[in-house]
PDB file of N, CA and C in Angstrom:
ATOM      1  N   MET A   1     -64.277 -45.602-169.975  1.00  0.00           N
ATOM      2  CA  MET A   1     -64.678 -44.793-171.072  1.00  0.00           C
ATOM      3  C   MET A   1     -63.315 -44.759-171.463  1.00  0.00           C
ATOM      4  N   ALA A   2     -62.333 -45.521-171.631  1.00  0.00           N
ATOM      5  CA  ALA A   2     -60.942 -45.338-172.336  1.00  0.00           C
ATOM      6  C   ALA A   2     -61.333 -46.412-173.620  1.00  0.00           C
ATOM      7  N   GLY A   3     -60.886 -45.311-174.479  1.00  0.00           N
ATOM      8  CA  GLY A   3     -60.498 -45.973-175.695  1.00  0.00           C
ATOM      9  C   GLY A   3     -61.979 -45.107-176.872  1.00  0.00           C
ATOM     10  N   ARG A   4     -63.042 -44.611-175.826  1.00  0.00           N
ATOM     11  CA  ARG A   4     -63.994 -44.070-176.842  1.00  0.00           C
ATOM     12  C   ARG A   4     -64.309 -42.465-176.973  1.00  0.00           C
ATOM     13  N   SER A   5     -64.452 -41.632-177.800  1.00  0.00           N
ATOM     14  CA  SER A   5     -64.702 -41.254-178.574  1.00  0.00           C
ATOM     15  C   SER A   5     -65.414 -39.865-177.614  1.00  0.00           C
ATOM     16  N   VAL A   6     -65.368 -38.626-177.102  1.00  0.00           N
ATOM     17  CA  VAL A   6     -66.231 -37.565-176.693  1.00  0.00           C
ATOM     18  C   VAL A   6     -66.116 -36.501-177.503  1.00  0.00           C
ATOM     19  N   ALA A   7     -67.456 -36.017-177.765  1.00  0.00           N
ATOM     20  CA  ALA A   7     -67.983 -34.599-178.586  1.00  0.00           C
ATOM     21  C   ALA A   7     -67.483 -33.695-178.172  1.00  0.00           C
ATOM     22  N   HIS A   8     -67.264 -32.450-178.116  1.00  0.00           N
ATOM     23  CA  HIS A   8     -66.529 -31.342-177.604  1.00  0.00           C
ATOM     24  C   HIS A   8     -68.055 -30.431-177.238  1.00  0.00           C
ATOM     25  N   ASP A   9     -69.350 -31.519-177.022  1.00  0.00           N
ATOM     26  CA  ASP A   9     -70.253 -30.530-176.438  1.00  0.00           C
ATOM     27  C   ASP A   9     -71.437 -31.805-175.321  1.00  0.00           C
ATOM     28  N   GLU A  10     -70.331 -32.750-175.199  1.00  0.00           N
ATOM     29  CA  GLU A  10     -70.663 -33.987-174.298  1.00  0.00           C
ATOM     30  C   GLU A  10     -70.387 -33.540-173.096  1.00  0.00           C
ATOM     31  N   ASP A  11     -71.359 -33.779-171.957  1.00  0.00           N
ATOM     32  CA  ASP A  11     -71.656 -33.536-170.747  1.00  0.00           C
ATOM     33  C   ASP A  11     -70.442 -34.583-169.762  1.00  0.00           C
ATOM     34  N   LEU A  12     -69.409 -34.376-170.065  1.00  0.00           N
ATOM     35  CA  LEU A  12     -68.367 -35.361-169.474  1.00  0.00           C
ATOM     36  C   LEU A  12     -68.507 -35.824-167.706  1.00  0.00           C
ATOM     37  N   LEU A  13     -69.415 -34.747-166.796  1.00  0.00           N
ATOM     38  CA  LEU A  13     -69.421 -35.852-165.760  1.00  0.00           C
ATOM     39  C   LEU A  13     -71.066 -36.734-165.950  1.00  0.00           C
ATOM     40  N   MET A  14     -71.903 -36.238-166.627  1.00  0.00           N
ATOM     41  CA  MET A  14     -73.478 -37.074-166.592  1.00  0.00           C
ATOM     42  C   MET A  14     -72.862 -38.282-167.752  1.00  0.00           C
ATOM     43  N   THR A  15     -71.871 -38.717-168.530  1.00  0.00           N
ATOM     44  CA  THR A  15     -72.060 -39.829-169.576  1.00  0.00           C
ATOM     45  C   THR A  15     -70.983 -40.831-168.520  1.00  0.00           C
ATOM     46  N   GLY A  16     -70.299 -40.002-167.868  1.00  0.00           N
ATOM     47  CA  GLY A  16     -69.116 -40.368-166.729  1.00  0.00           C
ATOM     48  C   GLY A  16     -68.078 -40.525-167.377  1.00  0.00           C
ATOM     49  N   ALA A  17     -67.539 -39.777-168.407  1.00  0.00           N
ATOM     50  CA  ALA A  17     -66.145 -39.592-168.324  1.00  0.00           C
ATOM     51  C   ALA A  17     -65.127 -39.013-167.840  1.00  0.00           C
ATOM     52  N   LEU A  18     -65.816 -38.250-167.032  1.00  0.00           N
ATOM     53  CA  LEU A  18     -64.561 -37.928-165.684  1.00  0.00           C
ATOM     54  C   LEU A  18     -65.971 -38.181-164.279  1.00  0.00           C
ATOM     55  N   ASP A  19     -65.143 -38.491-163.065  1.00  0.00           N
ATOM     56  CA  ASP A  19     -65.394 -38.471-161.612  1.00  0.00           C
ATOM     57  C   ASP A  19     -64.539 -37.930-161.105  1.00  0.00           C
ATOM     58  N   SER A  20     -65.006 -37.642-159.686  1.00  0.00           N
ATOM     59  CA  SER A  20     -64.334 -36.760-159.133  1.00  0.00           C
ATOM     60  C   SER A  20     -62.988 -36.775-158.640  1.00  0.00           C
ATOM     61  N   LEU A  21     -62.343 -37.878-158.707  1.00  0.00           N
ATOM     62  CA  LEU A  21     -61.203 -38.070-159.089  1.00  0.00           C
ATOM     63  C   LEU A  21     -60.082 -37.697-160.245  1.00  0.00           C
ATOM     64  N   SER A  22     -61.040 -38.146-161.196  1.00  0.00           N
ATOM     65  CA  SER A  22     -60.261 -37.555-162.380  1.00  0.00           C
ATOM     66  C   SER A  22     -60.535 -36.205-163.044  1.00  0.00           C
ATOM     67  N   VAL A  23     -61.401 -35.381-162.473  1.00  0.00           N
ATOM     68  CA  VAL A  23     -61.232 -33.955-162.148  1.00  0.00           C
ATOM     69  C   VAL A  23     -60.625 -33.169-160.943  1.00  0.00           C
ATOM     70  N   ALA A  24     -59.658 -34.171-160.218  1.00  0.00           N
ATOM     71  CA  ALA A  24     -58.906 -33.222-159.468  1.00  0.00           C
ATOM     72  C   ALA A  24     -57.541 -33.308-160.758  1.00  0.00           C
ATOM     73  N   ARG A  25     -57.736 -34.556-161.176  1.00  0.00           N
ATOM     74  CA  ARG A  25     -56.401 -35.017-161.848  1.00  0.00           C
ATOM     75  C   ARG A  25     -56.588 -33.736-163.391  1.00  0.00           C
ATOM     76  N   LEU A  26     -57.506 -33.710-163.879  1.00  0.00           N
ATOM     77  CA  LEU A  26     -57.686 -32.926-165.049  1.00  0.00           C
ATOM     78  C   LEU A  26     -57.581 -31.407-164.476  1.00  0.00           C
ATOM     79  N   ILE A  27     -57.908 -30.768-163.058  1.00  0.00           N
ATOM     80  CA  ILE A  27     -57.200 -29.385-162.377  1.00  0.00           C
ATOM     81  C   ILE A  27     -55.486 -29.290-162.154  1.00  0.00           C
ATOM     82  N   THR A  28     -55.132 -30.494-162.196  1.00  0.00           N
ATOM     83  CA  THR A  28     -53.720 -30.460-161.439  1.00  0.00           C
ATOM     84  C   THR A  28     -53.143 -30.772-163.246  1.00  0.00           C
ATOM     85  N   PHE A  29     -53.448 -31.090-164.088  1.00  0.00           N
ATOM     86  CA  PHE A  29     -52.870 -31.507-165.628  1.00  0.00           C
ATOM     87  C   PHE A  29     -52.895 -29.713-165.866  1.00  0.00           C
ATOM     88  N   ILE A  30     -54.146 -28.748-165.921  1.00  0.00           N
ATOM     89  CA  ILE A  30     -54.522 -27.884-166.842  1.00  0.00           C
ATOM     90  C   ILE A  30     -53.394 -26.541-166.145  1.00  0.00           C
ATOM     91  N   GLU A  31     -53.227 -26.673-164.628  1.00  0.00           N
ATOM     92  CA  GLU A  31     -52.836 -26.207-163.638  1.00  0.00           C
ATOM     93  C   GLU A  31     -51.002 -26.054-164.282  1.00  0.00           C
ATOM     94  N   THR A  32     -50.391 -27.175-164.157  1.00  0.00           N
ATOM     95  CA  THR A  32     -49.153 -27.307-164.781  1.00  0.00           C
ATOM     96  C   THR A  32     -48.862 -27.180-166.452  1.00  0.00           C
ATOM     97  N   ARG A  33     -49.640 -27.648-167.237  1.00  0.00           N
ATOM     98  CA  ARG A  33     -49.491 -27.765-168.464  1.00  0.00           C
ATOM     99  C   ARG A  33     -49.614 -26.271-169.149  1.00  0.00           C
ATOM    100  N   PHE A  34     -50.741 -25.556-167.933  1.00  0.00           N
ATOM    101  CA  PHE A  34     -50.887 -24.084-168.745  1.00  0.00           C
ATOM    102  C   PHE A  34     -50.642 -22.760-168.146  1.00  0.00           C
ATOM    103  N   GLU A  35     -49.939 -23.136-166.585  1.00  0.00           N
ATOM    104  CA  GLU A  35     -49.364 -22.450-165.928  1.00  0.00           C
ATOM    105  C   GLU A  35     -50.494 -21.504-165.371  1.00  0.00           C
ATOM    106  N   ILE A  36     -51.871 -22.156-165.083  1.00  0.00           N
ATOM    107  CA  ILE A  36     -52.640 -21.132-164.548  1.00  0.00           C
ATOM    108  C   ILE A  36     -53.215 -21.870-163.167  1.00  0.00           C
ATOM    109  N   THR A  37     -53.535 -21.235-162.686  1.00  0.00           N
ATOM    110  CA  THR A  37     -54.323 -21.371-161.150  1.00  0.00           C
ATOM    111  C   THR A  37     -55.476 -21.249-161.040  1.00  0.00           C
ATOM    112  N   VAL A  38     -56.318 -22.988-161.199  1.00  0.00           N
ATOM    113  CA  VAL A  38     -57.792 -23.338-161.308  1.00  0.00           C
ATOM    114  C   VAL A  38     -58.574 -22.772-159.562  1.00  0.00           C
ATOM    115  N   PRO A  39     -58.975 -21.787-159.260  1.00  0.00           N
ATOM    116  CA  PRO A  39     -59.690 -22.034-158.023  1.00  0.00           C
ATOM    117  C   PRO A  39     -60.564 -22.951-157.969  1.00  0.00           C
ATOM    118  N   ILE A  40     -61.116 -23.124-156.422  1.00  0.00           N
ATOM    119  CA  ILE A  40     -61.802 -23.928-156.324  1.00  0.00           C
ATOM    120  C   ILE A  40     -63.263 -23.331-156.887  1.00  0.00           C
ATOM    121  N   ALA A  41     -63.561 -22.327-156.616  1.00  0.00           N
ATOM    122  CA  ALA A  41     -65.085 -21.367-157.296  1.00  0.00           C
ATOM    123  C   ALA A  41     -64.958 -21.627-158.764  1.00  0.00           C
ATOM    124  N   ASP A  42     -63.627 -21.882-159.353  1.00  0.00           N
ATOM    125  CA  ASP A  42     -64.280 -21.937-161.016  1.00  0.00           C
ATOM    126  C   ASP A  42     -64.235 -23.504-161.198  1.00  0.00           C
ATOM    127  N   VAL A  43     -64.637 -24.484-160.411  1.00  0.00           N
ATOM    128  CA  VAL A  43     -64.692 -25.985-160.531  1.00  0.00           C
ATOM    129  C   VAL A  43     -66.127 -26.213-160.518  1.00  0.00           C
ATOM    130  N   LEU A  44     -66.863 -26.005-161.212  1.00  0.00           N
ATOM    131  CA  LEU A  44     -68.110 -25.559-162.066  1.00  0.00           C
ATOM    132  C   LEU A  44     -68.510 -26.345-163.533  1.00  0.00           C
ATOM    133  N   PRO A  45     -69.709 -27.204-163.073  1.00  0.00           N
ATOM    134  CA  PRO A  45     -69.986 -27.621-164.921  1.00  0.00           C
ATOM    135  C   PRO A  45     -69.961 -26.606-166.053  1.00  0.00           C
ATOM    136  N   GLU A  46     -69.903 -25.356-165.759  1.00  0.00           N
ATOM    137  CA  GLU A  46     -70.104 -24.624-166.923  1.00  0.00           C
ATOM    138  C   GLU A  46     -68.852 -24.219-167.503  1.00  0.00           C
ATOM    139  N   ASN A  47     -67.792 -24.527-166.573  1.00  0.00           N
ATOM    140  CA  ASN A  47     -66.399 -24.336-166.702  1.00  0.00           C
ATOM    141  C   ASN A  47     -65.625 -25.659-167.089  1.00  0.00           C
ATOM    142  N   MET A  48     -66.091 -26.891-166.761  1.00  0.00           N
ATOM    143  CA  MET A  48     -65.538 -28.027-166.689  1.00  0.00           C
ATOM    144  C   MET A  48     -66.147 -29.303-167.383  1.00  0.00           C
ATOM    145  N   GLY A  49     -67.446 -28.794-167.571  1.00  0.00           N
ATOM    146  CA  GLY A  49     -68.355 -29.841-167.515  1.00  0.00           C
ATOM    147  C   GLY A  49     -68.210 -30.556-168.987  1.00  0.00           C
ATOM    148  N   THR A  50     -67.776 -29.894-169.823  1.00  0.00           N
ATOM    149  CA  THR A  50     -67.747 -30.083-171.364  1.00  0.00           C
ATOM    150  C   THR A  50     -66.488 -29.583-172.202  1.00  0.00           C
ATOM    151  N   ILE A  51     -65.634 -30.529-173.002  1.00  0.00           N
ATOM    152  CA  ILE A  51     -64.257 -30.070-173.826  1.00  0.00           C
ATOM    153  C   ILE A  51     -64.575 -28.294-174.382  1.00  0.00           C
ATOM    154  N   ASP A  52     -65.835 -27.788-175.147  1.00  0.00           N
ATOM    155  CA  ASP A  52     -65.871 -27.067-175.369  1.00  0.00           C
ATOM    156  C   ASP A  52     -65.330 -26.004-174.045  1.00  0.00           C
ATOM    157  N   ALA A  53     -66.103 -25.912-172.808  1.00  0.00           N
ATOM    158  CA  ALA A  53     -66.692 -25.373-171.699  1.00  0.00           C
ATOM    159  C   ALA A  53     -64.779 -25.125-171.318  1.00  0.00           C
ATOM    160  N   LEU A  54     -63.781 -26.512-171.078  1.00  0.00           N
ATOM    161  CA  LEU A  54     -62.654 -26.275-171.016  1.00  0.00           C
ATOM    162  C   LEU A  54     -61.577 -25.280-171.183  1.00  0.00           C
ATOM    163  N   THR A  55     -62.014 -25.591-173.146  1.00  0.00           N
ATOM    164  CA  THR A  55     -61.481 -25.047-173.955  1.00  0.00           C
ATOM    165  C   THR A  55     -61.476 -23.459-173.554  1.00  0.00           C
ATOM    166  N   SER A  56     -62.804 -22.903-173.841  1.00  0.00           N
ATOM    167  CA  SER A  56     -63.121 -21.722-173.158  1.00  0.00           C
ATOM    168  C   SER A  56     -62.638 -20.926-172.230  1.00  0.00           C
ATOM    169  N   TYR A  57     -62.551 -21.824-170.631  1.00  0.00           N
ATOM    170  CA  TYR A  57     -62.224 -21.890-169.386  1.00  0.00           C
ATOM    171  C   TYR A  57     -60.721 -21.450-169.651  1.00  0.00           C
ATOM    172  N   ILE A  58     -59.932 -22.166-170.567  1.00  0.00           N
ATOM    173  CA  ILE A  58     -58.428 -22.415-170.090  1.00  0.00           C
ATOM    174  C   ILE A  58     -57.995 -20.813-170.981  1.00  0.00           C
ATOM    175  N   ILE A  59     -58.975 -20.717-172.466  1.00  0.00           N
ATOM    176  CA  ILE A  59     -58.503 -19.762-173.133  1.00  0.00           C
ATOM    177  C   ILE A  59     -58.397 -18.405-171.988  1.00  0.00           C
ATOM    178  N   SER A  60     -59.833 -18.095-171.642  1.00  0.00           N
ATOM    179  CA  SER A  60     -59.367 -17.075-170.736  1.00  0.00           C
ATOM    180  C   SER A  60     -58.523 -16.737-169.964  1.00  0.00           C
ATOM    181  N   LYS A  61     -58.204 -17.772-169.229  1.00  0.00           N
ATOM    182  CA  LYS A  61     -56.980 -17.799-167.921  1.00  0.00           C
ATOM    183  C   LYS A  61     -55.832 -17.959-168.410  1.00  0.00           C
ATOM    184  N   ASN A  62     -55.602 -17.738-169.668  1.00  0.00           N
ATOM    185  CA  ASN A  62     -54.211 -17.774-170.213  1.00  0.00           C
ATOM    186  C   ASN A  62     -53.782 -16.505-170.777  1.00  0.00           C
ATOM    187  N   THR A  63     -52.689 -16.196-169.923  1.00  0.00           N
ATOM    188  CA  THR A  63     -52.391 -14.693-170.504  1.00  0.00           C
ATOM    189  C   THR A  63     -51.270 -14.332-171.667  1.00  0.00           C
ATOM    190  N   ILE A  64     -50.941 -15.843-172.024  1.00  0.00           N
ATOM    191  CA  ILE A  64     -49.948 -14.960-173.493  1.00  0.00           C
ATOM    192  C   ILE A  64     -50.320 -14.961-174.296  1.00  0.00           C
TER     193      ILE A  64
END
């Protein structure tokens, strides 16, 4: 997947762009970069499945 473009609405799990380890790394990155906590209950395809979903989730949690 490295070097491949990903569409904003592309399913990151189904295409193999994300696996369980990369999801864990992504959550750590999001928590550090945006200074938010991502509860395990929020780790769902509707929140993490696409770039659009990730963007919406981060915006909804960002209090700045």
